[in-house]
Protein backbone atom coordinates (compact mmCIF):
# COMPACT_ATOMS: atom_id res chain seq x y z
CA MET A 1 -34.76 29.25 -41.17
CA CYS A 2 -31.83 27.43 -39.59
CA VAL A 3 -31.78 26.55 -35.91
CA TRP A 4 -28.77 28.86 -35.34
CA CYS A 5 -30.93 31.88 -36.24
CA LEU A 6 -33.74 31.06 -33.81
CA PRO A 7 -32.09 32.50 -30.66
CA TYR A 8 -31.37 35.74 -32.54
CA ILE A 9 -34.97 36.09 -33.74
CA TRP A 10 -36.20 35.41 -30.21
CA CYS A 11 -33.82 38.05 -28.83
CA ARG A 12 -34.98 40.62 -31.41
CA ARG A 13 -38.60 39.91 -30.46
CA GLU A 14 -37.83 40.33 -26.78
CA LEU A 15 -36.03 43.60 -27.42
CA GLY A 16 -39.04 44.93 -29.34
CA ARG A 17 -37.30 44.82 -32.72
CA SER A 18 -39.01 44.08 -36.02
CA GLU A 19 -38.62 40.53 -37.31
CA SER A 20 -38.80 41.75 -40.90
CA LYS A 21 -35.24 43.11 -40.92
CA VAL A 22 -32.82 40.33 -41.82
CA SER A 23 -29.66 40.24 -39.75
CA ARG A 24 -26.36 39.27 -41.30
CA GLY A 25 -23.48 37.56 -39.61
CA TYR A 26 -23.07 35.71 -36.35
CA PHE A 27 -20.90 35.56 -33.29
CA GLY A 28 -19.56 33.08 -30.81
CA ILE A 29 -18.02 33.66 -27.40
CA GLY A 30 -15.77 31.65 -25.12
CA ILE A 31 -13.29 31.51 -22.27
CA GLU A 32 -9.64 30.50 -22.24
CA ASN A 33 -8.49 28.90 -18.94
CA GLN A 34 -11.77 29.40 -17.11
CA LYS A 35 -11.20 29.66 -13.38
CA THR A 36 -14.70 29.16 -11.98
CA PRO A 37 -17.16 26.73 -13.59
CA SER A 38 -20.17 28.84 -12.60
CA ASN A 39 -18.89 31.69 -14.79
CA LEU A 40 -19.40 29.53 -17.86
CA GLY A 41 -22.97 28.79 -16.80
CA MET A 42 -23.72 32.51 -16.48
CA LEU A 43 -21.98 33.30 -19.77
CA TRP A 44 -23.93 30.50 -21.47
CA ARG A 45 -27.21 31.93 -20.23
CA SER A 46 -26.26 35.38 -21.57
CA ALA A 47 -25.08 33.86 -24.87
CA PHE A 48 -28.52 32.31 -25.30
CA ASN A 49 -30.29 35.56 -24.38
CA PHE A 50 -28.16 37.68 -26.73
CA GLY A 51 -28.26 35.31 -29.70
CA ALA A 52 -24.77 33.77 -29.81
CA ALA A 53 -24.36 31.04 -32.41
CA PHE A 54 -22.01 29.03 -30.20
CA LEU A 55 -19.98 29.01 -26.99
CA PHE A 56 -16.57 27.46 -26.35
CA THR A 57 -13.89 26.80 -23.78
CA ILE A 58 -10.17 26.34 -24.21
CA HIS A 59 -8.40 24.17 -21.59
CA ARG A 60 -11.54 23.41 -19.52
CA ARG A 61 -14.63 21.21 -19.44
CA TYR A 62 -18.12 22.24 -18.48
CA PRO A 63 -20.00 20.61 -15.63
CA PRO A 64 -23.72 21.63 -15.50
CA GLN A 65 -24.23 24.68 -13.27
CA VAL A 66 -27.13 26.06 -11.28
CA SER A 67 -26.34 29.51 -12.73
CA ASP A 68 -27.68 28.27 -16.10
CA THR A 69 -31.33 28.56 -15.08
CA VAL A 70 -32.64 28.70 -18.67
CA LYS A 71 -30.85 25.47 -19.67
CA ALA A 72 -29.01 27.34 -22.41
CA TRP A 73 -27.15 24.14 -23.32
CA ARG A 74 -30.35 23.09 -25.12
CA HIS A 75 -30.12 26.11 -27.46
CA VAL A 76 -26.50 27.22 -27.79
CA PRO A 77 -23.87 24.55 -28.47
CA LEU A 78 -20.69 24.38 -26.39
CA HIS A 79 -17.41 23.35 -27.99
CA ASN A 80 -14.46 22.31 -25.82
CA TYR A 81 -10.90 22.61 -27.12
CA GLU A 82 -7.84 21.03 -25.53
CA ASP A 83 -5.61 23.95 -26.46
CA LEU A 84 -5.44 27.20 -28.42
CA ALA A 85 -4.12 25.48 -31.57
CA ALA A 86 -7.16 23.16 -31.72
CA PHE A 87 -9.47 26.14 -31.26
CA LEU A 88 -7.75 28.17 -33.99
CA ALA A 89 -7.90 25.22 -36.39
CA SER A 90 -11.68 25.13 -36.04
CA CYS A 91 -12.46 28.86 -36.20
CA PRO A 92 -15.02 29.76 -38.86
CA LEU A 93 -13.88 31.04 -42.24
CA ASP A 94 -13.42 34.81 -42.56
CA CYS A 95 -14.25 35.47 -38.93
CA TYR A 96 -12.49 37.98 -36.66
CA LEU A 97 -11.03 36.81 -33.36
CA ILE A 98 -11.67 39.58 -30.82
CA GLY A 99 -9.88 39.39 -27.47
CA ILE A 100 -11.58 40.97 -24.46
CA GLU A 101 -8.81 42.06 -22.14
CA LEU A 102 -7.51 44.97 -20.08
CA HIS A 103 -4.48 45.74 -22.21
CA GLU A 104 -2.45 48.83 -23.08
CA HIS A 105 -3.17 48.45 -26.83
CA ALA A 106 -6.86 47.55 -26.46
CA THR A 107 -9.63 49.63 -28.02
CA PRO A 108 -12.24 50.84 -25.51
CA LEU A 109 -15.52 48.99 -26.13
CA GLN A 110 -17.47 52.22 -26.62
CA ARG A 111 -15.24 53.05 -29.64
CA PHE A 112 -15.23 49.54 -31.11
CA THR A 113 -17.19 48.61 -34.23
CA HIS A 114 -18.25 44.97 -34.12
CA PRO A 115 -17.57 43.03 -37.32
CA GLU A 116 -20.31 41.08 -39.08
CA ARG A 117 -18.70 37.76 -38.08
CA ALA A 118 -16.82 37.57 -34.80
CA VAL A 119 -15.55 35.18 -32.18
CA TYR A 120 -15.01 36.86 -28.80
CA LEU A 121 -12.37 35.38 -26.51
CA LEU A 122 -12.26 36.08 -22.78
CA GLY A 123 -9.60 35.08 -20.27
CA SER A 124 -9.91 34.06 -16.65
CA GLU A 125 -10.11 36.79 -14.03
CA ASP A 126 -6.84 35.87 -12.35
CA ARG A 127 -4.66 35.46 -15.48
CA GLY A 128 -6.52 37.07 -18.36
CA LEU A 129 -5.77 35.94 -21.89
CA SER A 130 -2.52 34.14 -22.52
CA ASP A 131 0.20 35.95 -24.49
CA GLU A 132 -0.22 33.30 -27.18
CA ALA A 133 -3.96 34.04 -27.48
CA LEU A 134 -3.39 37.81 -27.55
CA LYS A 135 -0.97 37.39 -30.48
CA GLU A 136 -3.66 35.51 -32.44
CA CYS A 137 -6.39 38.11 -31.88
CA ASP A 138 -7.29 40.36 -34.80
CA ARG A 139 -8.39 43.05 -32.34
CA VAL A 140 -8.33 43.47 -28.56
CA VAL A 141 -11.13 45.33 -26.83
CA GLN A 142 -11.45 46.42 -23.21
CA ILE A 143 -14.30 47.49 -21.00
CA GLU A 144 -13.17 50.52 -19.09
CA SER A 145 -13.86 50.01 -15.39
CA ARG A 146 -12.18 50.66 -12.06
CA MET A 147 -11.21 47.00 -11.59
CA CYS A 148 -11.38 43.85 -13.68
CA LEU A 149 -14.87 42.46 -14.20
CA ASN A 150 -16.20 38.97 -13.66
CA VAL A 151 -15.64 37.08 -16.93
CA ALA A 152 -19.36 36.31 -17.40
CA VAL A 153 -20.27 39.95 -16.76
CA ALA A 154 -17.63 41.18 -19.23
CA GLY A 155 -18.86 38.76 -21.88
CA SER A 156 -22.46 39.82 -21.30
CA ILE A 157 -21.57 43.49 -21.69
CA VAL A 158 -19.75 42.81 -24.97
CA MET A 159 -22.69 40.80 -26.35
CA TRP A 160 -25.18 43.49 -25.31
CA HIS A 161 -22.99 46.17 -26.94
CA ARG A 162 -22.80 44.12 -30.15
CA ILE A 163 -26.58 43.72 -30.37
CA GLN A 164 -27.20 47.41 -29.69
CA GLN A 165 -24.66 48.49 -32.30
CA ARG A 166 -25.75 45.98 -34.97
CA HIS A 167 -29.43 46.96 -34.56
CA LYS A 168 -28.55 50.57 -35.38
CA GLN A 169 -26.89 49.60 -38.66
């Protein structure tokens, strides 16, 4: 078994799922223009807990954070990209780019079917995703709420929703 699968197996065990069912696909999650460094630490911790294959940032660097209490950097790699073009050039083959954004054309998360292979892209709380990033997304999904959510919380909700939906398949 490859090291990328280990967090997913651990997550399945923790959620009381059978290890005998083989899961297909993977996902990664990241932030464009992160505003607060601690948000990445919290998102990284959730990415580890929910079995993400990788984490990334576009336009920012990651300083270690106290919010990453499980030292997720030891288990989930972080990739940093200088700009959106560099990120897009390195996206995995045949993988959907899913924007998470409050947007008039976004699909509500509860009606969204997660693809087998996905990269989820979040924006900062104050600016959201750039227009350039939104144009590159294959789909845009939103979490219906009264106000915008903290970026780490929004990412955690999307990852939890993905795991719940994929376990039912």
